[in-house]
């Protein structure tokens, strides 16, 4: 699995390396396609004690889908038609 150059996404909350408040995840192609990244939730990301906040969880899933599209050579955004 090769690292992906995030290029202009350096300020991204999830994958940007220049966002001081960001998560700084590195997404790679997963086995059999898709995307994967590893993240250990910090205490400030809890919704309830010991439980990751649902909004952050969905942010992570949204980013993973976007990276899966990018790794497949597609351009995608989350939108409503």
PDB file of N, CA and C in Angstrom:
ATOM      1  N   UNK A   1       0.835  -1.184   0.000  1.00  0.00           N
ATOM      2  CA  UNK A   1       0.000   0.000   0.000  1.00  0.00           C
ATOM      3  C   UNK A   1       0.878   1.244   0.000  1.00  0.00           C
ATOM      4  N   UNK A   2       0.664   2.122  -0.913  1.00  0.00           N
ATOM      5  CA  UNK A   2       1.483   3.326  -1.034  1.00  0.00           C
ATOM      6  C   UNK A   2       0.802   4.514  -0.357  1.00  0.00           C
ATOM      7  N   UNK A   3       1.599   5.406   0.233  1.00  0.00           N
ATOM      8  CA  UNK A   3       1.066   6.653   0.766  1.00  0.00           C
ATOM      9  C   UNK A   3       0.555   7.499  -0.388  1.00  0.00           C
ATOM     10  N   UNK A   4      -0.410   8.337  -0.125  1.00  0.00           N
ATOM     11  CA  UNK A   4      -0.967   9.220  -1.132  1.00  0.00           C
ATOM     12  C   UNK A   4      -0.580  10.649  -0.791  1.00  0.00           C
ATOM     13  N   UNK A   5      -0.052  11.381  -1.760  1.00  0.00           N
ATOM     14  CA  UNK A   5       0.291  12.784  -1.567  1.00  0.00           C
ATOM     15  C   UNK A   5      -0.992  13.590  -1.477  1.00  0.00           C
ATOM     16  N   UNK A   6      -1.218  14.249  -0.353  1.00  0.00           N
ATOM     17  CA  UNK A   6      -2.451  15.002  -0.182  1.00  0.00           C
ATOM     18  C   UNK A   6      -2.415  16.361  -0.866  1.00  0.00           C
ATOM     19  N   UNK A   7      -1.263  16.762  -1.377  1.00  0.00           N
ATOM     20  CA  UNK A   7      -1.159  17.982  -2.181  1.00  0.00           C
ATOM     21  C   UNK A   7      -1.791  19.200  -1.551  1.00  0.00           C
ATOM     22  N   UNK A   8      -2.870  19.673  -2.135  1.00  0.00           N
ATOM     23  CA  UNK A   8      -3.504  20.912  -1.691  1.00  0.00           C
ATOM     24  C   UNK A   8      -4.387  20.728  -0.475  1.00  0.00           C
ATOM     25  N   UNK A   9      -4.455  19.556   0.109  1.00  0.00           N
ATOM     26  CA  UNK A   9      -5.340  19.292   1.235  1.00  0.00           C
ATOM     27  C   UNK A   9      -4.649  19.485   2.587  1.00  0.00           C
ATOM     28  N   UNK A  10      -3.580  20.254   2.650  1.00  0.00           N
ATOM     29  CA  UNK A  10      -2.806  20.380   3.881  1.00  0.00           C
ATOM     30  C   UNK A  10      -3.564  21.026   5.038  1.00  0.00           C
ATOM     31  N   UNK A  11      -4.620  21.767   4.758  1.00  0.00           N
ATOM     32  CA  UNK A  11      -5.409  22.392   5.818  1.00  0.00           C
ATOM     33  C   UNK A  11      -6.620  21.585   6.226  1.00  0.00           C
ATOM     34  N   UNK A  12      -6.823  20.451   5.604  1.00  0.00           N
ATOM     35  CA  UNK A  12      -7.992  19.615   5.886  1.00  0.00           C
ATOM     36  C   UNK A  12      -8.020  19.206   7.358  1.00  0.00           C
ATOM     37  N   UNK A  13      -9.197  19.255   7.970  1.00  0.00           N
ATOM     38  CA  UNK A  13      -9.333  18.882   9.376  1.00  0.00           C
ATOM     39  C   UNK A  13      -8.936  17.433   9.625  1.00  0.00           C
ATOM     40  N   UNK A  14      -9.248  16.545   8.706  1.00  0.00           N
ATOM     41  CA  UNK A  14      -8.971  15.120   8.922  1.00  0.00           C
ATOM     42  C   UNK A  14      -7.584  14.730   8.439  1.00  0.00           C
ATOM     43  N   UNK A  15      -7.211  15.103   7.206  1.00  0.00           N
ATOM     44  CA  UNK A  15      -5.965  14.585   6.641  1.00  0.00           C
ATOM     45  C   UNK A  15      -4.869  15.628   6.444  1.00  0.00           C
ATOM     46  N   UNK A  16      -5.143  16.878   6.729  1.00  0.00           N
ATOM     47  CA  UNK A  16      -4.149  17.914   6.498  1.00  0.00           C
ATOM     48  C   UNK A  16      -3.053  17.937   7.549  1.00  0.00           C
ATOM     49  N   UNK A  17      -1.826  18.061   7.108  1.00  0.00           N
ATOM     50  CA  UNK A  17      -0.699  18.091   8.034  1.00  0.00           C
ATOM     51  C   UNK A  17      -0.454  19.482   8.608  1.00  0.00           C
ATOM     52  N   UNK A  18      -1.071  20.520   8.025  1.00  0.00           N
ATOM     53  CA  UNK A  18      -0.842  21.890   8.479  1.00  0.00           C
ATOM     54  C   UNK A  18      -1.971  22.440   9.353  1.00  0.00           C
ATOM     55  N   UNK A  19      -2.945  21.619   9.692  1.00  0.00           N
ATOM     56  CA  UNK A  19      -4.053  22.073  10.535  1.00  0.00           C
ATOM     57  C   UNK A  19      -3.730  21.738  11.986  1.00  0.00           C
ATOM     58  N   UNK A  20      -3.422  22.752  12.815  1.00  0.00           N
ATOM     59  CA  UNK A  20      -3.017  22.469  14.188  1.00  0.00           C
ATOM     60  C   UNK A  20      -4.103  21.797  15.025  1.00  0.00           C
ATOM     61  N   UNK A  21      -5.363  21.977  14.661  1.00  0.00           N
ATOM     62  CA  UNK A  21      -6.460  21.342  15.391  1.00  0.00           C
ATOM     63  C   UNK A  21      -6.884  20.028  14.745  1.00  0.00           C
ATOM     64  N   UNK A  22      -6.254  19.678  13.623  1.00  0.00           N
ATOM     65  CA  UNK A  22      -6.685  18.529  12.837  1.00  0.00           C
ATOM     66  C   UNK A  22      -6.246  17.182  13.385  1.00  0.00           C
ATOM     67  N   UNK A  23      -6.752  16.148  12.734  1.00  0.00           N
ATOM     68  CA  UNK A  23      -6.475  14.765  13.129  1.00  0.00           C
ATOM     69  C   UNK A  23      -5.233  14.203  12.454  1.00  0.00           C
ATOM     70  N   UNK A  24      -4.866  14.762  11.307  1.00  0.00           N
ATOM     71  CA  UNK A  24      -3.643  14.399  10.567  1.00  0.00           C
ATOM     72  C   UNK A  24      -3.567  12.923  10.189  1.00  0.00           C
ATOM     73  N   UNK A  25      -4.669  12.374   9.752  1.00  0.00           N
ATOM     74  CA  UNK A  25      -4.675  10.984   9.315  1.00  0.00           C
ATOM     75  C   UNK A  25      -4.011  10.845   7.961  1.00  0.00           C
ATOM     76  N   UNK A  26      -3.380   9.715   7.738  1.00  0.00           N
ATOM     77  CA  UNK A  26      -2.787   9.376   6.447  1.00  0.00           C
ATOM     78  C   UNK A  26      -3.602   8.222   5.883  1.00  0.00           C
ATOM     79  N   UNK A  27      -4.254   8.474   4.755  1.00  0.00           N
ATOM     80  CA  UNK A  27      -5.060   7.446   4.107  1.00  0.00           C
ATOM     81  C   UNK A  27      -4.232   6.713   3.070  1.00  0.00           C
ATOM     82  N   UNK A  28      -4.426   5.417   3.013  1.00  0.00           N
ATOM     83  CA  UNK A  28      -3.761   4.541   2.048  1.00  0.00           C
ATOM     84  C   UNK A  28      -4.821   3.663   1.405  1.00  0.00           C
ATOM     85  N   UNK A  29      -4.449   3.088   0.290  1.00  0.00           N
ATOM     86  CA  UNK A  29      -5.355   2.129  -0.330  1.00  0.00           C
ATOM     87  C   UNK A  29      -5.432   0.899   0.555  1.00  0.00           C
ATOM     88  N   UNK A  30      -6.645   0.428   0.779  1.00  0.00           N
ATOM     89  CA  UNK A  30      -6.847  -0.759   1.599  1.00  0.00           C
ATOM     90  C   UNK A  30      -6.692  -2.025   0.775  1.00  0.00           C
ATOM     91  N   UNK A  31      -6.569  -3.144   1.452  1.00  0.00           N
ATOM     92  CA  UNK A  31      -6.490  -4.415   0.724  1.00  0.00           C
ATOM     93  C   UNK A  31      -7.770  -4.619  -0.090  1.00  0.00           C
ATOM     94  N   UNK A  32      -7.628  -4.878  -1.354  1.00  0.00           N
ATOM     95  CA  UNK A  32      -8.806  -5.065  -2.200  1.00  0.00           C
ATOM     96  C   UNK A  32      -9.485  -3.773  -2.603  1.00  0.00           C
ATOM     97  N   UNK A  33      -8.822  -2.640  -2.425  1.00  0.00           N
ATOM     98  CA  UNK A  33      -9.400  -1.349  -2.808  1.00  0.00           C
ATOM     99  C   UNK A  33      -9.888  -0.578  -1.603  1.00  0.00           C
ATOM    100  N   UNK A  34     -10.614   0.502  -1.845  1.00  0.00           N
ATOM    101  CA  UNK A  34     -11.090   1.341  -0.762  1.00  0.00           C
ATOM    102  C   UNK A  34      -9.971   2.164  -0.162  1.00  0.00           C
ATOM    103  N   UNK A  35     -10.166   2.595   1.060  1.00  0.00           N
ATOM    104  CA  UNK A  35      -9.148   3.372   1.760  1.00  0.00           C
ATOM    105  C   UNK A  35      -9.110   2.938   3.213  1.00  0.00           C
ATOM    106  N   UNK A  36      -7.978   3.246   3.852  1.00  0.00           N
ATOM    107  CA  UNK A  36      -7.861   2.948   5.267  1.00  0.00           C
ATOM    108  C   UNK A  36      -6.915   3.941   5.917  1.00  0.00           C
ATOM    109  N   UNK A  37      -7.158   4.176   7.183  1.00  0.00           N
ATOM    110  CA  UNK A  37      -6.292   5.009   8.020  1.00  0.00           C
ATOM    111  C   UNK A  37      -6.483   4.510   9.450  1.00  0.00           C
ATOM    112  N   UNK A  38      -5.507   4.764  10.266  1.00  0.00           N
ATOM    113  CA  UNK A  38      -5.617   4.375  11.666  1.00  0.00           C
ATOM    114  C   UNK A  38      -5.691   5.623  12.526  1.00  0.00           C
ATOM    115  N   UNK A  39      -6.580   5.597  13.496  1.00  0.00           N
ATOM    116  CA  UNK A  39      -6.777   6.737  14.385  1.00  0.00           C
ATOM    117  C   UNK A  39      -7.167   6.241  15.768  1.00  0.00           C
ATOM    118  N   UNK A  40      -6.549   6.786  16.788  1.00  0.00           N
ATOM    119  CA  UNK A  40      -6.927   6.509  18.168  1.00  0.00           C
ATOM    120  C   UNK A  40      -7.583   7.773  18.700  1.00  0.00           C
ATOM    121  N   UNK A  41      -8.853   7.663  19.062  1.00  0.00           N
ATOM    122  CA  UNK A  41      -9.597   8.831  19.533  1.00  0.00           C
ATOM    123  C   UNK A  41      -8.966   9.408  20.794  1.00  0.00           C
ATOM    124  N   UNK A  42      -8.918  10.721  20.833  1.00  0.00           N
ATOM    125  CA  UNK A  42      -8.396  11.420  22.003  1.00  0.00           C
ATOM    126  C   UNK A  42      -9.557  11.688  22.971  1.00  0.00           C
ATOM    127  N   UNK A  43      -9.248  11.871  24.245  1.00  0.00           N
ATOM    128  CA  UNK A  43     -10.315  12.104  25.231  1.00  0.00           C
ATOM    129  C   UNK A  43     -11.236  13.275  24.865  1.00  0.00           C
ATOM    130  N   UNK A  44     -10.694  14.313  24.232  1.00  0.00           N
ATOM    131  CA  UNK A  44     -11.527  15.465  23.866  1.00  0.00           C
ATOM    132  C   UNK A  44     -12.475  15.173  22.714  1.00  0.00           C
ATOM    133  N   UNK A  45     -12.404  13.988  22.129  1.00  0.00           N
ATOM    134  CA  UNK A  45     -13.307  13.603  21.044  1.00  0.00           C
ATOM    135  C   UNK A  45     -14.439  12.711  21.527  1.00  0.00           C
ATOM    136  N   UNK A  46     -14.630  12.640  22.831  1.00  0.00           N
ATOM    137  CA  UNK A  46     -15.693  11.807  23.394  1.00  0.00           C
ATOM    138  C   UNK A  46     -17.037  12.522  23.329  1.00  0.00           C
ATOM    139  N   UNK A  47     -18.079  11.753  23.054  1.00  0.00           N
ATOM    140  CA  UNK A  47     -19.445  12.244  23.175  1.00  0.00           C
ATOM    141  C   UNK A  47     -19.933  11.949  24.587  1.00  0.00           C
ATOM    142  N   UNK A  48     -19.659  10.759  25.033  1.00  0.00           N
ATOM    143  CA  UNK A  48     -19.876  10.291  26.405  1.00  0.00           C
ATOM    144  C   UNK A  48     -18.553   9.700  26.860  1.00  0.00           C
ATOM    145  N   UNK A  49     -18.327   9.564  28.136  1.00  0.00           N
ATOM    146  CA  UNK A  49     -17.061   8.984  28.589  1.00  0.00           C
ATOM    147  C   UNK A  49     -16.782   7.632  27.919  1.00  0.00           C
ATOM    148  N   UNK A  50     -15.633   7.536  27.272  1.00  0.00           N
ATOM    149  CA  UNK A  50     -15.237   6.290  26.623  1.00  0.00           C
ATOM    150  C   UNK A  50     -15.894   6.017  25.282  1.00  0.00           C
ATOM    151  N   UNK A  51     -16.670   6.969  24.758  1.00  0.00           N
ATOM    152  CA  UNK A  51     -17.383   6.778  23.486  1.00  0.00           C
ATOM    153  C   UNK A  51     -17.055   7.939  22.556  1.00  0.00           C
ATOM    154  N   UNK A  52     -16.562   7.634  21.354  1.00  0.00           N
ATOM    155  CA  UNK A  52     -16.254   8.691  20.387  1.00  0.00           C
ATOM    156  C   UNK A  52     -17.539   9.414  19.977  1.00  0.00           C
ATOM    157  N   UNK A  53     -17.445  10.710  19.790  1.00  0.00           N
ATOM    158  CA  UNK A  53     -18.604  11.516  19.395  1.00  0.00           C
ATOM    159  C   UNK A  53     -19.076  11.089  18.005  1.00  0.00           C
ATOM    160  N   UNK A  54     -20.367  10.927  17.833  1.00  0.00           N
ATOM    161  CA  UNK A  54     -20.930  10.487  16.556  1.00  0.00           C
ATOM    162  C   UNK A  54     -20.596  11.405  15.401  1.00  0.00           C
ATOM    163  N   UNK A  55     -20.545  12.711  15.657  1.00  0.00           N
ATOM    164  CA  UNK A  55     -20.206  13.653  14.592  1.00  0.00           C
ATOM    165  C   UNK A  55     -18.790  13.437  14.078  1.00  0.00           C
ATOM    166  N   UNK A  56     -17.873  13.142  14.980  1.00  0.00           N
ATOM    167  CA  UNK A  56     -16.505  12.857  14.562  1.00  0.00           C
ATOM    168  C   UNK A  56     -16.434  11.526  13.832  1.00  0.00           C
ATOM    169  N   UNK A  57     -17.177  10.560  14.311  1.00  0.00           N
ATOM    170  CA  UNK A  57     -17.199   9.261  13.645  1.00  0.00           C
ATOM    171  C   UNK A  57     -17.683   9.399  12.201  1.00  0.00           C
ATOM    172  N   UNK A  58     -18.735  10.168  11.985  1.00  0.00           N
ATOM    173  CA  UNK A  58     -19.235  10.355  10.621  1.00  0.00           C
ATOM    174  C   UNK A  58     -18.284  11.202   9.782  1.00  0.00           C
ATOM    175  N   UNK A  59     -17.565  12.132  10.411  1.00  0.00           N
ATOM    176  CA  UNK A  59     -16.534  12.884   9.692  1.00  0.00           C
ATOM    177  C   UNK A  59     -15.465  11.937   9.179  1.00  0.00           C
ATOM    178  N   UNK A  60     -15.034  11.007  10.023  1.00  0.00           N
ATOM    179  CA  UNK A  60     -14.031  10.024   9.615  1.00  0.00           C
ATOM    180  C   UNK A  60     -14.545   9.148   8.479  1.00  0.00           C
ATOM    181  N   UNK A  61     -15.809   8.726   8.558  1.00  0.00           N
ATOM    182  CA  UNK A  61     -16.370   7.889   7.485  1.00  0.00           C
ATOM    183  C   UNK A  61     -16.492   8.675   6.180  1.00  0.00           C
ATOM    184  N   UNK A  62     -16.901   9.943   6.264  1.00  0.00           N
ATOM    185  CA  UNK A  62     -17.010  10.778   5.070  1.00  0.00           C
ATOM    186  C   UNK A  62     -15.648  10.931   4.403  1.00  0.00           C
ATOM    187  N   UNK A  63     -14.618  11.153   5.197  1.00  0.00           N
ATOM    188  CA  UNK A  63     -13.273  11.310   4.654  1.00  0.00           C
ATOM    189  C   UNK A  63     -12.774  10.006   4.029  1.00  0.00           C
ATOM    190  N   UNK A  64     -13.068   8.883   4.683  1.00  0.00           N
ATOM    191  CA  UNK A  64     -12.643   7.582   4.149  1.00  0.00           C
ATOM    192  C   UNK A  64     -13.289   7.313   2.793  1.00  0.00           C
ATOM    193  N   UNK A  65     -14.557   7.667   2.637  1.00  0.00           N
ATOM    194  CA  UNK A  65     -15.232   7.485   1.346  1.00  0.00           C
ATOM    195  C   UNK A  65     -14.618   8.400   0.295  1.00  0.00           C
ATOM    196  N   UNK A  66     -14.329   9.650   0.675  1.00  0.00           N
ATOM    197  CA  UNK A  66     -13.706  10.580  -0.277  1.00  0.00           C
ATOM    198  C   UNK A  66     -12.350  10.053  -0.739  1.00  0.00           C
ATOM    199  N   UNK A  67     -11.549   9.511   0.190  1.00  0.00           N
ATOM    200  CA  UNK A  67     -10.244   8.973  -0.186  1.00  0.00           C
ATOM    201  C   UNK A  67     -10.396   7.706  -1.024  1.00  0.00           C
ATOM    202  N   UNK A  68     -11.386   6.890  -0.749  1.00  0.00           N
ATOM    203  CA  UNK A  68     -11.613   5.695  -1.574  1.00  0.00           C
ATOM    204  C   UNK A  68     -11.906   6.115  -3.007  1.00  0.00           C
ATOM    205  N   UNK A  69     -12.715   7.151  -3.169  1.00  0.00           N
ATOM    206  CA  UNK A  69     -13.006   7.664  -4.514  1.00  0.00           C
ATOM    207  C   UNK A  69     -11.740   8.186  -5.173  1.00  0.00           C
ATOM    208  N   UNK A  70     -10.968   8.970  -4.433  1.00  0.00           N
ATOM    209  CA  UNK A  70      -9.741   9.543  -4.996  1.00  0.00           C
ATOM    210  C   UNK A  70      -8.759   8.447  -5.397  1.00  0.00           C
ATOM    211  N   UNK A  71      -8.595   7.451  -4.543  1.00  0.00           N
ATOM    212  CA  UNK A  71      -7.676   6.356  -4.849  1.00  0.00           C
ATOM    213  C   UNK A  71      -8.133   5.537  -6.051  1.00  0.00           C
ATOM    214  N   UNK A  72      -9.439   5.560  -6.319  1.00  0.00           N
ATOM    215  CA  UNK A  72      -9.984   4.866  -7.489  1.00  0.00           C
ATOM    216  C   UNK A  72      -9.934   5.744  -8.738  1.00  0.00           C
ATOM    217  N   UNK A  73      -9.377   6.963  -8.606  1.00  0.00           N
ATOM    218  CA  UNK A  73      -9.263   7.857  -9.751  1.00  0.00           C
ATOM    219  C   UNK A  73     -10.522   8.656 -10.027  1.00  0.00           C
ATOM    220  N   UNK A  74     -11.425   8.729  -9.054  1.00  0.00           N
ATOM    221  CA  UNK A  74     -12.682   9.461  -9.216  1.00  0.00           C
ATOM    222  C   UNK A  74     -12.621  10.777  -8.465  1.00  0.00           C
ATOM    223  N   UNK A  75     -13.430  11.736  -8.892  1.00  0.00           N
ATOM    224  CA  UNK A  75     -13.567  13.009  -8.169  1.00  0.00           C
ATOM    225  C   UNK A  75     -14.964  13.022  -7.582  1.00  0.00           C
ATOM    226  N   UNK A  76     -15.061  13.096  -6.273  1.00  0.00           N
ATOM    227  CA  UNK A  76     -16.352  13.005  -5.600  1.00  0.00           C
ATOM    228  C   UNK A  76     -16.448  14.061  -4.498  1.00  0.00           C
ATOM    229  N   UNK A  77     -17.667  14.464  -4.211  1.00  0.00           N
ATOM    230  CA  UNK A  77     -17.946  15.322  -3.067  1.00  0.00           C
ATOM    231  C   UNK A  77     -19.214  14.815  -2.404  1.00  0.00           C
ATOM    232  N   UNK A  78     -19.388  15.168  -1.139  1.00  0.00           N
ATOM    233  CA  UNK A  78     -20.636  14.871  -0.451  1.00  0.00           C
ATOM    234  C   UNK A  78     -21.590  16.010  -0.772  1.00  0.00           C
ATOM    235  N   UNK A  79     -22.725  15.692  -1.375  1.00  0.00           N
ATOM    236  CA  UNK A  79     -23.664  16.738  -1.775  1.00  0.00           C
ATOM    237  C   UNK A  79     -25.071  16.166  -1.869  1.00  0.00           C
ATOM    238  N   UNK A  80     -26.001  17.055  -1.983  1.00  0.00           N
ATOM    239  CA  UNK A  80     -27.388  16.668  -2.178  1.00  0.00           C
ATOM    240  C   UNK A  80     -27.838  17.215  -3.524  1.00  0.00           C
ATOM    241  N   UNK A  81     -28.434  16.372  -4.332  1.00  0.00           N
ATOM    242  CA  UNK A  81     -28.886  16.798  -5.657  1.00  0.00           C
ATOM    243  C   UNK A  81     -30.206  17.518  -5.589  1.00  0.00           C
TER     244      UNK A  81
END
